[in-house]
Amino acid sequence: MAKYTGINHLAMVTGDMDATVRFWRDLLGMRLVVGLGHPGYRHYFFEISDNDMIAFFEWPGVEPLEERDHGFPVKGRVGFDHISFGVASEDDLWELKDKLEAADIWCSEVVDHGFIHSIYAFDPNNIPIEFSSTVPGVDIRKTPVMVDSEPSLEARKGPEPQPGAWPEVTDPTPEADKAVYEGEGHKVVEALEEREE
């Protein structure tokens, strides 16, 4: 089984990169670590932690989402509800709440979910965001728990990956066929190399 290191990046969309940069970098304090672009296209990455980033594409004509409450049931086509960012402590949670409110950005009260305390807000694109601090002594990763009164059939099999659920790889890609194709971000490496010279 592959070993995951976190979320390399979430890729979101904005119609106003400047407002997005001011919110994520200047208000929330996430460093702008990569900026790709050319006329009609931008792709900027903000550092969440040592392993995780959030990125935004800016395309002409993009409009903010219609505001929708976090976790509120919807019908029809949907593939996204909200993003929750972990913070190191309860103090960090309150610091973010104070910053958002000082910037006149709506922020919920602190909600106690038992295993996390959370606040909810929206970015300039109306992307629903949550900030969560872990409740000390409650580690759901160490001790997974299911309290759904009617868990799905697959969830009843437990938290660990189930062997045999998918076909085994019988024909792995040979070393000679492992090709990697150059993408837009290759310019980042060239810029870093130029700095070192």
Protein backbone atom coordinates (compact mmCIF):
# COMPACT_ATOMS: atom_id res chain seq x y z
CA MET A 1 0.00 0.00 0.00
CA ALA A 2 1.33 3.45 -0.88
CA LYS A 3 2.46 5.61 2.07
CA TYR A 4 0.79 9.02 2.07
CA THR A 5 2.50 12.12 3.42
CA GLY A 6 -0.48 14.48 3.50
CA ILE A 7 -2.34 16.53 0.92
CA ASN A 8 0.26 17.84 -1.50
CA HIS A 9 -2.25 20.44 -2.62
CA LEU A 10 -5.94 21.10 -2.97
CA ALA A 11 -6.65 22.79 -6.32
CA MET A 12 -9.35 25.44 -6.11
CA VAL A 13 -10.48 28.18 -8.53
CA THR A 14 -10.66 31.97 -8.25
CA GLY A 15 -11.65 34.83 -10.51
CA ASP A 16 -9.63 37.34 -8.45
CA MET A 17 -6.11 36.20 -7.60
CA ASP A 18 -5.23 39.43 -5.80
CA ALA A 19 -8.14 39.06 -3.34
CA THR A 20 -7.21 35.40 -2.95
CA VAL A 21 -3.55 36.23 -2.21
CA ARG A 22 -4.53 38.92 0.30
CA PHE A 23 -6.81 36.46 2.13
CA TRP A 24 -4.67 33.31 2.17
CA ARG A 25 -1.22 34.92 2.47
CA ASP A 26 -1.80 38.18 4.31
CA LEU A 27 -4.77 37.38 6.56
CA LEU A 28 -4.28 33.66 7.22
CA GLY A 29 -0.46 33.74 7.03
CA MET A 30 0.05 30.97 4.44
CA ARG A 31 3.18 31.71 2.40
CA LEU A 32 2.83 32.07 -1.37
CA VAL A 33 5.43 29.50 -2.44
CA VAL A 34 4.85 29.04 -6.18
CA GLY A 35 3.29 31.22 -8.85
CA LEU A 36 2.82 29.92 -12.38
CA GLY A 37 1.10 31.80 -15.14
CA HIS A 38 0.76 33.57 -18.46
CA PRO A 39 -2.03 35.74 -19.92
CA GLY A 40 -5.39 34.08 -19.22
CA TYR A 41 -4.04 31.61 -16.65
CA ARG A 42 -2.49 31.66 -13.19
CA HIS A 43 -1.80 28.83 -10.73
CA TYR A 44 -0.56 29.90 -7.28
CA PHE A 45 0.34 27.65 -4.32
CA PHE A 46 0.11 28.57 -0.63
CA GLU A 47 1.91 26.63 2.12
CA ILE A 48 -0.35 25.17 4.81
CA SER A 49 2.29 23.04 6.54
CA ASP A 50 5.54 21.24 5.75
CA ASN A 51 3.64 18.72 3.60
CA ASP A 52 0.41 20.44 2.57
CA MET A 53 -0.55 23.29 0.23
CA ILE A 54 -3.66 24.87 -1.22
CA ALA A 55 -3.50 26.10 -4.82
CA PHE A 56 -5.73 28.33 -6.90
CA PHE A 57 -6.25 28.53 -10.64
CA GLU A 58 -7.33 31.95 -11.90
CA TRP A 59 -9.26 31.89 -15.16
CA PRO A 60 -11.11 34.76 -16.87
CA GLY A 61 -14.85 34.85 -16.21
CA VAL A 62 -14.80 32.80 -13.00
CA GLU A 63 -17.34 33.97 -10.43
CA PRO A 64 -17.43 33.21 -6.70
CA LEU A 65 -19.53 30.28 -5.55
CA GLU A 66 -22.97 30.92 -4.19
CA GLU A 67 -22.63 30.96 -0.43
CA ARG A 68 -23.77 27.68 1.11
CA ASP A 69 -23.53 26.58 4.74
CA HIS A 70 -20.89 23.99 5.61
CA GLY A 71 -22.29 20.47 5.87
CA PHE A 72 -25.79 21.49 4.77
CA PRO A 73 -27.40 18.73 2.68
CA VAL A 74 -27.85 19.48 -1.02
CA LYS A 75 -29.26 17.60 -4.01
CA GLY A 76 -28.02 17.24 -7.56
CA ARG A 77 -24.45 17.25 -8.77
CA VAL A 78 -21.99 18.03 -6.01
CA GLY A 79 -18.46 16.90 -5.24
CA PHE A 80 -17.24 19.29 -2.58
CA ASP A 81 -18.50 20.61 0.75
CA HIS A 82 -15.72 22.39 2.68
CA ILE A 83 -12.03 22.31 3.60
CA SER A 84 -10.91 21.96 7.22
CA PHE A 85 -7.44 23.17 8.19
CA GLY A 86 -5.90 21.77 11.35
CA VAL A 87 -4.35 24.26 13.76
CA ALA A 88 -1.85 23.43 16.50
CA SER A 89 -3.84 24.66 19.49
CA GLU A 90 -7.04 26.19 20.78
CA ASP A 91 -5.18 29.51 21.05
CA ASP A 92 -4.49 29.38 17.30
CA LEU A 93 -8.19 28.83 16.68
CA TRP A 94 -9.12 31.92 18.69
CA GLU A 95 -6.37 33.94 17.00
CA LEU A 96 -7.84 33.10 13.57
CA LYS A 97 -11.37 33.91 14.76
CA ASP A 98 -10.17 37.32 15.99
CA LYS A 99 -8.30 38.00 12.71
CA LEU A 100 -11.30 37.10 10.56
CA GLU A 101 -13.65 39.24 12.62
CA ALA A 102 -11.18 42.18 12.65
CA ALA A 103 -11.14 41.94 8.83
CA ASP A 104 -14.97 42.07 8.87
CA ILE A 105 -15.17 38.50 7.51
CA TRP A 106 -18.01 36.39 8.89
CA CYS A 107 -16.81 33.70 11.29
CA SER A 108 -18.88 31.25 13.31
CA GLU A 109 -18.69 30.75 17.03
CA VAL A 110 -16.32 28.02 18.21
CA VAL A 111 -18.13 24.69 17.86
CA ASP A 112 -17.27 21.71 20.09
CA HIS A 113 -17.49 18.52 18.01
CA GLY A 114 -16.15 16.33 20.84
CA PHE A 115 -12.88 15.36 19.14
CA ILE A 116 -12.20 18.80 17.55
CA HIS A 117 -13.17 22.42 18.17
CA SER A 118 -13.91 24.34 14.96
CA ILE A 119 -14.72 27.71 13.48
CA TYR A 120 -16.28 28.22 10.06
CA ALA A 121 -15.85 31.02 7.49
CA PHE A 122 -15.67 31.66 3.73
CA ASP A 123 -12.76 32.83 1.57
CA PRO A 124 -13.24 35.61 -1.05
CA ASN A 125 -14.46 32.98 -3.54
CA ASN A 126 -17.13 31.80 -1.05
CA ILE A 127 -15.21 28.55 -0.61
CA PRO A 128 -16.44 27.17 2.73
CA ILE A 129 -13.49 26.77 5.12
CA GLU A 130 -13.14 25.38 8.63
CA PHE A 131 -10.29 25.60 11.10
CA SER A 132 -10.05 22.81 13.68
CA SER A 133 -7.98 22.16 16.78
CA THR A 134 -7.78 18.66 18.18
CA VAL A 135 -9.22 18.12 21.65
CA PRO A 136 -6.37 16.95 23.91
CA GLY A 137 -6.59 13.26 24.77
CA VAL A 138 -8.96 12.41 21.91
CA ASP A 139 -7.06 10.83 19.00
CA ILE A 140 -9.44 9.40 16.39
CA ARG A 141 -6.52 8.41 14.15
CA LYS A 142 -5.05 6.21 16.87
CA THR A 143 -8.44 4.79 17.89
CA PRO A 144 -10.95 5.03 14.99
CA VAL A 145 -14.59 4.92 16.04
CA MET A 146 -17.88 4.48 14.16
CA VAL A 147 -20.99 5.99 15.76
CA ASP A 148 -23.18 6.02 12.64
CA SER A 149 -26.41 4.27 13.69
CA GLU A 150 -26.65 2.71 10.21
CA PRO A 151 -23.11 2.52 8.77
CA SER A 152 -22.69 1.74 5.08
CA LEU A 153 -21.94 -1.88 4.23
CA GLU A 154 -18.30 -1.13 3.42
CA ALA A 155 -17.79 0.94 6.59
CA ARG A 156 -18.92 -2.05 8.67
CA LYS A 157 -15.76 -3.88 7.57
CA GLY A 158 -13.65 -1.56 9.75
CA PRO A 159 -11.13 1.26 9.33
CA GLU A 160 -8.27 -0.66 7.69
CA PRO A 161 -7.89 -1.16 3.91
CA GLN A 162 -9.61 -4.39 2.90
CA PRO A 163 -7.50 -6.83 0.86
CA GLY A 164 -9.19 -8.29 -2.20
CA ALA A 165 -11.57 -5.37 -2.73
CA TRP A 166 -9.76 -4.45 -5.96
CA PRO A 167 -7.79 -6.50 -8.49
CA GLU A 168 -4.13 -7.05 -7.67
CA VAL A 169 -1.55 -5.52 -10.03
CA THR A 170 -0.37 -8.34 -12.27
CA ASP A 171 1.38 -6.27 -14.93
CA PRO A 172 3.36 -3.42 -13.28
CA THR A 173 4.81 -0.72 -15.51
CA PRO A 174 8.34 -1.79 -16.56
CA GLU A 175 11.17 0.59 -15.62
CA ALA A 176 11.85 1.28 -19.30
CA ASP A 177 8.26 2.51 -19.78
CA LYS A 178 8.18 4.88 -16.77
CA ALA A 179 8.14 8.18 -18.65
CA VAL A 180 7.58 11.52 -16.92
CA TYR A 181 6.31 14.35 -19.11
CA GLU A 182 7.23 18.00 -18.64
CA GLY A 183 4.44 20.18 -17.29
CA GLU A 184 3.87 23.87 -16.60
CA GLY A 185 5.68 23.74 -13.25
CA HIS A 186 9.01 22.85 -14.81
CA LYS A 187 9.65 26.60 -15.03
CA VAL A 188 9.78 26.65 -11.21
CA VAL A 189 12.83 24.35 -11.18
CA GLU A 190 14.54 26.48 -13.83
CA ALA A 191 13.94 29.62 -11.72
CA LEU A 192 15.37 27.89 -8.63
CA GLU A 193 18.46 26.78 -10.57
CA GLU A 194 19.00 30.35 -11.83
CA ARG A 195 18.91 31.64 -8.24
CA GLU A 196 21.62 29.16 -7.21
CA GLU A 197 23.99 30.34 -9.97
